[in-house]
C-alpha atoms as a PDB file:
ATOM      1  CA  UNK A   1     -10.849   0.169   3.485  1.00  0.00           C
ATOM      2  CA  UNK A   2     -12.167  -3.311   3.607  1.00  0.00           C
ATOM      3  CA  UNK A   3     -10.717  -3.904   6.798  1.00  0.00           C
ATOM      4  CA  UNK A   4     -12.525  -0.752   8.444  1.00  0.00           C
ATOM      5  CA  UNK A   5     -15.917  -2.053   6.829  1.00  0.00           C
ATOM      6  CA  UNK A   6     -15.383  -5.527   8.685  1.00  0.00           C
ATOM      7  CA  UNK A   7     -14.711  -3.855  11.521  1.00  0.00           C
ATOM      8  CA  UNK A   8     -17.291  -1.919  11.592  1.00  0.00           C
ATOM      9  CA  UNK A   9     -19.964  -4.830  10.535  1.00  0.00           C
ATOM     10  CA  UNK A  10     -18.204  -6.977  13.689  1.00  0.00           C
ATOM     11  CA  UNK A  11     -19.154  -3.872  15.937  1.00  0.00           C
ATOM     12  CA  UNK A  12     -22.787  -3.584  14.958  1.00  0.00           C
ATOM     13  CA  UNK A  13     -23.127  -7.404  15.318  1.00  0.00           C
ATOM     14  CA  UNK A  14     -21.849  -6.971  18.574  1.00  0.00           C
ATOM     15  CA  UNK A  15     -23.648  -4.231  19.890  1.00  0.00           C
ATOM     16  CA  UNK A  16     -26.994  -6.504  18.544  1.00  0.00           C
ATOM     17  CA  UNK A  17     -25.930  -9.457  20.091  1.00  0.00           C
ATOM     18  CA  UNK A  18     -25.449  -7.447  23.339  1.00  0.00           C
ATOM     19  CA  UNK A  19     -28.956  -5.944  23.283  1.00  0.00           C
ATOM     20  CA  UNK A  20     -30.735  -9.092  22.660  1.00  0.00           C
ATOM     21  CA  UNK A  21     -28.821 -10.385  25.476  1.00  0.00           C
ATOM     22  CA  UNK A  22     -29.509  -7.742  27.904  1.00  0.00           C
ATOM     23  CA  UNK A  23     -33.038  -7.950  26.282  1.00  0.00           C
ATOM     24  CA  UNK A  24     -33.203 -11.529  26.894  1.00  0.00           C
ATOM     25  CA  UNK A  25     -31.847 -11.055  30.655  1.00  0.00           C
ATOM     26  CA  UNK A  26     -34.693  -8.295  30.932  1.00  0.00           C
ATOM     27  CA  UNK A  27     -37.563 -10.660  30.066  1.00  0.00           C
ATOM     28  CA  UNK A  28     -35.718 -13.233  32.123  1.00  0.00           C
ATOM     29  CA  UNK A  29     -35.942 -11.437  35.417  1.00  0.00           C
ATOM     30  CA  UNK A  30     -38.979 -10.155  34.644  1.00  0.00           C
ATOM     31  CA  UNK A  31     -40.918 -13.755  34.132  1.00  0.00           C
ATOM     32  CA  UNK A  32     -38.802 -14.460  37.311  1.00  0.00           C
ATOM     33  CA  UNK A  33     -40.099 -11.894  39.487  1.00  0.00           C
ATOM     34  CA  UNK A  34     -43.824 -11.906  37.847  1.00  0.00           C
ATOM     35  CA  UNK A  35     -43.996 -15.678  38.579  1.00  0.00           C
ATOM     36  CA  UNK A  36     -42.709 -16.123  41.564  1.00  0.00           C
ATOM     37  CA  UNK A  37     -45.442 -18.306  43.682  1.00  0.00           C
ATOM     38  CA  UNK A  38     -46.784 -16.286  46.443  1.00  0.00           C
ATOM     39  CA  UNK A  39     -50.437 -18.412  47.191  1.00  0.00           C
ATOM     40  CA  UNK A  40     -50.321 -21.916  46.758  1.00  0.00           C
ATOM     41  CA  UNK A  41     -53.727 -24.513  47.458  1.00  0.00           C
ATOM     42  CA  UNK A  42     -53.317 -27.912  47.607  1.00  0.00           C
ATOM     43  CA  UNK A  43     -56.116 -30.476  46.813  1.00  0.00           C
ATOM     44  CA  UNK A  44     -56.449 -34.152  46.837  1.00  0.00           C
ATOM     45  CA  UNK A  45     -54.250 -34.634  49.576  1.00  0.00           C
ATOM     46  CA  UNK A  46     -54.716 -37.409  52.839  1.00  0.00           C
ATOM     47  CA  UNK A  47     -52.090 -38.647  53.498  1.00  0.00           C
ATOM     48  CA  UNK A  48     -49.688 -35.852  53.339  1.00  0.00           C
ATOM     49  CA  UNK A  49     -49.875 -31.965  54.871  1.00  0.00           C
ATOM     50  CA  UNK A  50     -50.152 -28.727  52.622  1.00  0.00           C
ATOM     51  CA  UNK A  51     -46.636 -28.188  53.781  1.00  0.00           C
ATOM     52  CA  UNK A  52     -45.480 -31.751  52.994  1.00  0.00           C
ATOM     53  CA  UNK A  53     -46.627 -31.495  49.515  1.00  0.00           C
ATOM     54  CA  UNK A  54     -45.402 -27.515  48.894  1.00  0.00           C
ATOM     55  CA  UNK A  55     -42.020 -28.940  50.033  1.00  0.00           C
ATOM     56  CA  UNK A  56     -41.807 -31.804  47.389  1.00  0.00           C
ATOM     57  CA  UNK A  57     -42.964 -29.974  44.862  1.00  0.00           C
ATOM     58  CA  UNK A  58     -41.156 -26.445  45.584  1.00  0.00           C
ATOM     59  CA  UNK A  59     -37.823 -27.310  45.616  1.00  0.00           C
ATOM     60  CA  UNK A  60     -34.911 -26.360  43.645  1.00  0.00           C
ATOM     61  CA  UNK A  61     -33.186 -23.084  42.040  1.00  0.00           C
ATOM     62  CA  UNK A  62     -36.703 -22.504  40.265  1.00  0.00           C
ATOM     63  CA  UNK A  63     -38.862 -24.262  42.711  1.00  0.00           C
ATOM     64  CA  UNK A  64     -41.008 -21.004  43.362  1.00  0.00           C
ATOM     65  CA  UNK A  65     -41.431 -20.074  39.646  1.00  0.00           C
ATOM     66  CA  UNK A  66     -45.106 -20.890  38.350  1.00  0.00           C
ATOM     67  CA  UNK A  67     -44.535 -21.355  34.957  1.00  0.00           C
ATOM     68  CA  UNK A  68     -41.332 -24.049  35.548  1.00  0.00           C
ATOM     69  CA  UNK A  69     -43.649 -25.769  38.120  1.00  0.00           C
ATOM     70  CA  UNK A  70     -46.780 -26.009  35.639  1.00  0.00           C
ATOM     71  CA  UNK A  71     -44.350 -27.436  33.064  1.00  0.00           C
ATOM     72  CA  UNK A  72     -42.630 -29.701  35.371  1.00  0.00           C
ATOM     73  CA  UNK A  73     -45.779 -31.048  37.069  1.00  0.00           C
ATOM     74  CA  UNK A  74     -48.408 -31.959  34.316  1.00  0.00           C
ATOM     75  CA  UNK A  75     -50.114 -34.845  35.773  1.00  0.00           C
ATOM     76  CA  UNK A  76     -46.790 -36.286  36.428  1.00  0.00           C
ATOM     77  CA  UNK A  77     -46.456 -39.821  37.770  1.00  0.00           C
ATOM     78  CA  UNK A  78     -44.267 -39.305  41.098  1.00  0.00           C
ATOM     79  CA  UNK A  79     -43.051 -42.803  41.654  1.00  0.00           C
ATOM     80  CA  UNK A  80     -40.743 -41.736  44.263  1.00  0.00           C
ATOM     81  CA  UNK A  81     -43.343 -40.514  46.848  1.00  0.00           C
ATOM     82  CA  UNK A  82     -45.722 -43.244  48.548  1.00  0.00           C
ATOM     83  CA  UNK A  83     -48.939 -43.118  48.352  1.00  0.00           C
ATOM     84  CA  UNK A  84     -49.325 -40.609  45.362  1.00  0.00           C
ATOM     85  CA  UNK A  85     -49.381 -41.553  41.831  1.00  0.00           C
ATOM     86  CA  UNK A  86     -49.134 -38.258  40.279  1.00  0.00           C
ATOM     87  CA  UNK A  87     -49.376 -34.426  40.914  1.00  0.00           C
ATOM     88  CA  UNK A  88     -50.534 -31.447  38.408  1.00  0.00           C
ATOM     89  CA  UNK A  89     -49.976 -27.699  39.053  1.00  0.00           C
ATOM     90  CA  UNK A  90     -52.182 -24.935  37.491  1.00  0.00           C
ATOM     91  CA  UNK A  91     -51.156 -21.444  37.347  1.00  0.00           C
ATOM     92  CA  UNK A  92     -54.458 -19.579  38.815  1.00  0.00           C
ATOM     93  CA  UNK A  93     -52.847 -16.298  38.399  1.00  0.00           C
ATOM     94  CA  UNK A  94     -49.013 -15.481  37.555  1.00  0.00           C
ATOM     95  CA  UNK A  95     -48.080 -15.411  41.125  1.00  0.00           C
ATOM     96  CA  UNK A  96     -51.119 -18.191  42.426  1.00  0.00           C
ATOM     97  CA  UNK A  97     -50.769 -21.853  41.847  1.00  0.00           C
ATOM     98  CA  UNK A  98     -53.035 -25.038  42.821  1.00  0.00           C
ATOM     99  CA  UNK A  99     -51.151 -28.273  43.577  1.00  0.00           C
ATOM    100  CA  UNK A 100     -53.510 -31.482  42.541  1.00  0.00           C
ATOM    101  CA  UNK A 101     -53.113 -34.600  44.518  1.00  0.00           C
ATOM    102  CA  UNK A 102     -53.683 -37.718  42.595  1.00  0.00           C
ATOM    103  CA  UNK A 103     -53.517 -40.230  45.768  1.00  0.00           C
ATOM    104  CA  UNK A 104     -52.955 -44.352  45.250  1.00  0.00           C
ATOM    105  CA  UNK A 105     -56.440 -46.273  45.853  1.00  0.00           C
ATOM    106  CA  UNK A 106     -56.604 -47.612  48.742  1.00  0.00           C
ATOM    107  CA  UNK A 107     -58.830 -50.461  50.108  1.00  0.00           C
ATOM    108  CA  UNK A 108     -56.880 -51.274  53.304  1.00  0.00           C
ATOM    109  CA  UNK A 109     -53.792 -52.257  55.059  1.00  0.00           C
ATOM    110  CA  UNK A 110     -52.127 -55.156  57.130  1.00  0.00           C
ATOM    111  CA  UNK A 111     -50.218 -55.534  59.483  1.00  0.00           C
ATOM    112  CA  UNK A 112     -46.826 -57.816  58.179  1.00  0.00           C
ATOM    113  CA  UNK A 113     -43.559 -57.832  59.658  1.00  0.00           C
ATOM    114  CA  UNK A 114     -43.481 -54.867  61.876  1.00  0.00           C
ATOM    115  CA  UNK A 115     -44.768 -53.289  58.818  1.00  0.00           C
ATOM    116  CA  UNK A 116     -48.415 -52.262  57.737  1.00  0.00           C
ATOM    117  CA  UNK A 117     -48.929 -53.533  53.799  1.00  0.00           C
ATOM    118  CA  UNK A 118     -51.200 -51.301  52.071  1.00  0.00           C
ATOM    119  CA  UNK A 119     -53.596 -52.857  48.868  1.00  0.00           C
ATOM    120  CA  UNK A 120     -55.417 -51.750  46.543  1.00  0.00           C
ATOM    121  CA  UNK A 121     -59.369 -53.209  45.551  1.00  0.00           C
ATOM    122  CA  UNK A 122     -58.033 -55.871  43.989  1.00  0.00           C
ATOM    123  CA  UNK A 123     -55.634 -56.951  46.970  1.00  0.00           C
ATOM    124  CA  UNK A 124     -52.323 -55.680  44.993  1.00  0.00           C
ATOM    125  CA  UNK A 125     -49.951 -54.359  47.892  1.00  0.00           C
ATOM    126  CA  UNK A 126     -49.096 -50.418  46.481  1.00  0.00           C
ATOM    127  CA  UNK A 127     -46.931 -49.322  49.630  1.00  0.00           C
ATOM    128  CA  UNK A 128     -45.340 -50.770  52.778  1.00  0.00           C
ATOM    129  CA  UNK A 129     -45.303 -47.940  55.634  1.00  0.00           C
ATOM    130  CA  UNK A 130     -43.923 -48.434  59.334  1.00  0.00           C
ATOM    131  CA  UNK A 131     -47.124 -46.503  60.883  1.00  0.00           C
ATOM    132  CA  UNK A 132     -51.070 -46.357  59.425  1.00  0.00           C
ATOM    133  CA  UNK A 133     -52.821 -43.586  57.566  1.00  0.00           C
ATOM    134  CA  UNK A 134     -55.566 -41.891  58.478  1.00  0.00           C
ATOM    135  CA  UNK A 135     -58.918 -42.471  56.351  1.00  0.00           C
ATOM    136  CA  UNK A 136     -57.161 -46.245  55.718  1.00  0.00           C
ATOM    137  CA  UNK A 137     -58.699 -48.705  57.788  1.00  0.00           C
ATOM    138  CA  UNK A 138     -56.550 -51.856  59.065  1.00  0.00           C
ATOM    139  CA  UNK A 139     -58.012 -54.962  57.977  1.00  0.00           C
ATOM    140  CA  UNK A 140     -57.643 -58.136  60.052  1.00  0.00           C
ATOM    141  CA  UNK A 141     -58.777 -61.726  60.225  1.00  0.00           C
ATOM    142  CA  UNK A 142     -57.031 -62.509  57.059  1.00  0.00           C
ATOM    143  CA  UNK A 143     -54.837 -65.072  56.282  1.00  0.00           C
ATOM    144  CA  UNK A 144     -51.595 -65.199  54.419  1.00  0.00           C
ATOM    145  CA  UNK A 145     -48.212 -66.252  54.678  1.00  0.00           C
ATOM    146  CA  UNK A 146     -46.290 -63.670  53.121  1.00  0.00           C
ATOM    147  CA  UNK A 147     -46.672 -59.881  51.439  1.00  0.00           C
ATOM    148  CA  UNK A 148     -44.633 -58.750  48.561  1.00  0.00           C
ATOM    149  CA  UNK A 149     -45.294 -55.400  47.169  1.00  0.00           C
ATOM    150  CA  UNK A 150     -46.797 -55.130  43.815  1.00  0.00           C
ATOM    151  CA  UNK A 151     -48.118 -58.731  44.361  1.00  0.00           C
ATOM    152  CA  UNK A 152     -51.417 -59.879  45.345  1.00  0.00           C
ATOM    153  CA  UNK A 153     -51.862 -60.729  48.680  1.00  0.00           C
ATOM    154  CA  UNK A 154     -52.326 -64.663  49.067  1.00  0.00           C
ATOM    155  CA  UNK A 155     -55.065 -64.963  51.052  1.00  0.00           C
ATOM    156  CA  UNK A 156     -57.496 -68.166  50.687  1.00  0.00           C
ATOM    157  CA  UNK A 157     -60.659 -66.193  49.567  1.00  0.00           C
ATOM    158  CA  UNK A 158     -60.336 -63.838  46.979  1.00  0.00           C
ATOM    159  CA  UNK A 159     -63.329 -62.709  46.939  1.00  0.00           C
ATOM    160  CA  UNK A 160     -62.819 -60.682  50.542  1.00  0.00           C
ATOM    161  CA  UNK A 161     -61.394 -58.282  48.643  1.00  0.00           C
ATOM    162  CA  UNK A 162     -64.925 -57.155  47.080  1.00  0.00           C
ATOM    163  CA  UNK A 163     -66.132 -57.349  50.586  1.00  0.00           C
ATOM    164  CA  UNK A 164     -63.453 -54.969  51.822  1.00  0.00           C
ATOM    165  CA  UNK A 165     -64.240 -52.607  48.659  1.00  0.00           C
ATOM    166  CA  UNK A 166     -67.749 -53.055  49.272  1.00  0.00           C
ATOM    167  CA  UNK A 167     -67.763 -52.031  53.079  1.00  0.00           C
ATOM    168  CA  UNK A 168     -65.457 -49.341  52.165  1.00  0.00           C
ATOM    169  CA  UNK A 169     -67.927 -47.849  49.744  1.00  0.00           C
ATOM    170  CA  UNK A 170     -70.408 -47.804  52.358  1.00  0.00           C
ATOM    171  CA  UNK A 171     -68.179 -46.148  55.024  1.00  0.00           C
ATOM    172  CA  UNK A 172     -67.227 -43.413  52.783  1.00  0.00           C
ATOM    173  CA  UNK A 173     -70.949 -42.846  51.939  1.00  0.00           C
ATOM    174  CA  UNK A 174     -72.288 -42.203  55.051  1.00  0.00           C
ATOM    175  CA  UNK A 175     -68.787 -40.373  55.896  1.00  0.00           C
ATOM    176  CA  UNK A 176     -67.647 -42.893  58.476  1.00  0.00           C
ATOM    177  CA  UNK A 177     -63.934 -43.863  59.268  1.00  0.00           C
ATOM    178  CA  UNK A 178     -62.873 -47.143  60.450  1.00  0.00           C
ATOM    179  CA  UNK A 179     -59.767 -47.755  62.629  1.00  0.00           C
ATOM    180  CA  UNK A 180     -59.791 -51.871  62.211  1.00  0.00           C
ATOM    181  CA  UNK A 181     -62.619 -54.030  60.335  1.00  0.00           C
ATOM    182  CA  UNK A 182     -62.239 -57.578  61.530  1.00  0.00           C
ATOM    183  CA  UNK A 183     -63.302 -60.446  58.852  1.00  0.00           C
ATOM    184  CA  UNK A 184     -63.936 -63.610  61.171  1.00  0.00           C
ATOM    185  CA  UNK A 185     -64.145 -66.732  59.444  1.00  0.00           C
ATOM    186  CA  UNK A 186     -67.163 -67.094  60.350  1.00  0.00           C
ATOM    187  CA  UNK A 187     -68.159 -64.435  57.849  1.00  0.00           C
ATOM    188  CA  UNK A 188     -69.432 -62.113  60.824  1.00  0.00           C
ATOM    189  CA  UNK A 189     -67.669 -58.569  60.549  1.00  0.00           C
ATOM    190  CA  UNK A 190     -66.564 -55.937  63.297  1.00  0.00           C
ATOM    191  CA  UNK A 191     -65.609 -52.651  62.748  1.00  0.00           C
ATOM    192  CA  UNK A 192     -63.401 -50.668  65.425  1.00  0.00           C
ATOM    193  CA  UNK A 193     -64.210 -46.794  65.875  1.00  0.00           C
ATOM    194  CA  UNK A 194     -61.955 -45.775  68.770  1.00  0.00           C
ATOM    195  CA  UNK A 195     -62.812 -47.523  71.782  1.00  0.00           C
ATOM    196  CA  UNK A 196     -66.472 -48.677  70.416  1.00  0.00           C
ATOM    197  CA  UNK A 197     -66.743 -51.886  68.668  1.00  0.00           C
ATOM    198  CA  UNK A 198     -69.532 -52.540  65.840  1.00  0.00           C
ATOM    199  CA  UNK A 199     -70.598 -56.031  65.443  1.00  0.00           C
ATOM    200  CA  UNK A 200     -72.224 -56.547  62.301  1.00  0.00           C
ATOM    201  CA  UNK A 201     -73.126 -59.685  61.922  1.00  0.00           C
ATOM    202  CA  UNK A 202     -72.664 -61.657  58.666  1.00  0.00           C
ATOM    203  CA  UNK A 203     -75.768 -60.275  57.098  1.00  0.00           C
ATOM    204  CA  UNK A 204     -74.806 -58.860  53.965  1.00  0.00           C
ATOM    205  CA  UNK A 205     -78.331 -58.205  52.317  1.00  0.00           C
ATOM    206  CA  UNK A 206     -78.612 -56.039  55.246  1.00  0.00           C
ATOM    207  CA  UNK A 207     -75.104 -54.379  55.264  1.00  0.00           C
ATOM    208  CA  UNK A 208     -76.217 -50.965  54.033  1.00  0.00           C
ATOM    209  CA  UNK A 209     -78.903 -50.615  56.408  1.00  0.00           C
ATOM    210  CA  UNK A 210     -77.223 -51.083  59.586  1.00  0.00           C
ATOM    211  CA  UNK A 211     -73.861 -49.101  58.470  1.00  0.00           C
ATOM    212  CA  UNK A 212     -76.539 -46.266  57.644  1.00  0.00           C
ATOM    213  CA  UNK A 213     -77.678 -45.746  61.193  1.00  0.00           C
ATOM    214  CA  UNK A 214     -73.798 -46.067  62.539  1.00  0.00           C
ATOM    215  CA  UNK A 215     -73.209 -42.356  61.735  1.00  0.00           C
ATOM    216  CA  UNK A 216     -76.392 -41.598  64.494  1.00  0.00           C
ATOM    217  CA  UNK A 217     -75.215 -44.185  66.857  1.00  0.00           C
ATOM    218  CA  UNK A 218     -71.813 -43.391  66.953  1.00  0.00           C
ATOM    219  CA  UNK A 219     -72.841 -39.958  68.078  1.00  0.00           C
ATOM    220  CA  UNK A 220     -74.835 -40.888  71.085  1.00  0.00           C
ATOM    221  CA  UNK A 221     -71.887 -42.740  72.143  1.00  0.00           C
ATOM    222  CA  UNK A 222     -69.259 -40.330  72.153  1.00  0.00           C
ATOM    223  CA  UNK A 223     -66.832 -41.037  75.125  1.00  0.00           C
ATOM    224  CA  UNK A 224     -67.795 -44.626  75.996  1.00  0.00           C
ATOM    225  CA  UNK A 225     -66.128 -48.055  75.420  1.00  0.00           C
ATOM    226  CA  UNK A 226     -67.575 -50.994  74.373  1.00  0.00           C
ATOM    227  CA  UNK A 227     -69.792 -53.268  71.827  1.00  0.00           C
ATOM    228  CA  UNK A 228     -72.504 -52.219  69.787  1.00  0.00           C
ATOM    229  CA  UNK A 229     -74.316 -55.114  68.889  1.00  0.00           C
ATOM    230  CA  UNK A 230     -76.134 -54.863  65.464  1.00  0.00           C
ATOM    231  CA  UNK A 231     -76.259 -58.332  64.041  1.00  0.00           C
ATOM    232  CA  UNK A 232     -79.942 -58.808  65.322  1.00  0.00           C
ATOM    233  CA  UNK A 233     -80.944 -55.367  63.784  1.00  0.00           C
ATOM    234  CA  UNK A 234     -84.512 -55.067  62.273  1.00  0.00           C
ATOM    235  CA  UNK A 235     -86.257 -53.155  59.085  1.00  0.00           C
ATOM    236  CA  UNK A 236     -88.233 -51.714  62.350  1.00  0.00           C
ATOM    237  CA  UNK A 237     -84.529 -50.830  63.534  1.00  0.00           C
ATOM    238  CA  UNK A 238     -84.981 -52.362  66.966  1.00  0.00           C
ATOM    239  CA  UNK A 239     -82.439 -55.043  68.048  1.00  0.00           C
ATOM    240  CA  UNK A 240     -79.416 -52.422  68.757  1.00  0.00           C
ATOM    241  CA  UNK A 241     -78.103 -53.056  72.356  1.00  0.00           C
ATOM    242  CA  UNK A 242     -75.029 -51.480  73.498  1.00  0.00           C
ATOM    243  CA  UNK A 243     -72.806 -53.012  76.405  1.00  0.00           C
ATOM    244  CA  UNK A 244     -70.186 -50.977  78.098  1.00  0.00           C
ATOM    245  CA  UNK A 245     -66.515 -52.176  78.664  1.00  0.00           C
ATOM    246  CA  UNK A 246     -66.586 -54.270  82.083  1.00  0.00           C
ATOM    247  CA  UNK A 247     -70.324 -55.239  82.338  1.00  0.00           C
END
């Protein structure tokens, strides 16, 4: 009699366990199906395309589950991805996510031993790459004998990094993207925009006034090749000349 009750109790427990297992499996199946990503928005990316960011984030067996991705990427540092500090995944709806990319703050890059060393506003090398990156100007005219990842570029005048950052802020303010910026030993500054070279001179006090005029001037010089001389720009906007290459 006692043995029969124990067997009956065991069967009840087994049934309960099976019911719970089926329920959990059904719930898991529901979650996997309902939270399968169909739409992805990517923001903050400049060095990588949306497709490249998706490939980085949405990998593995659960790479298309929005709940999993939201848990995995919560402003997570991603030290193994060049130019990216962290990424965050927000669920906009069960099947729609937003990937926020937090890129490293880059002031410019310098060519060194067949590579480009990217540095931040304080001159510390944060990345090394075999190619230039759109939106980050190559800085020339700096003198240094080595460049090490994680260390500051050993230039003679460390105040040059303030000048680089000040100029980059002005370029960003007026929506200008320079290819190269040359800081001469004479303190003159030359900026390269495609085939147009802009000579700004060494007058830092009048620098914003010159940069402010560049969008309009460059628009008129589209397709041209030469040097835009702005060293002698006056307050009444005179003193600007353009010298075509070969003249």
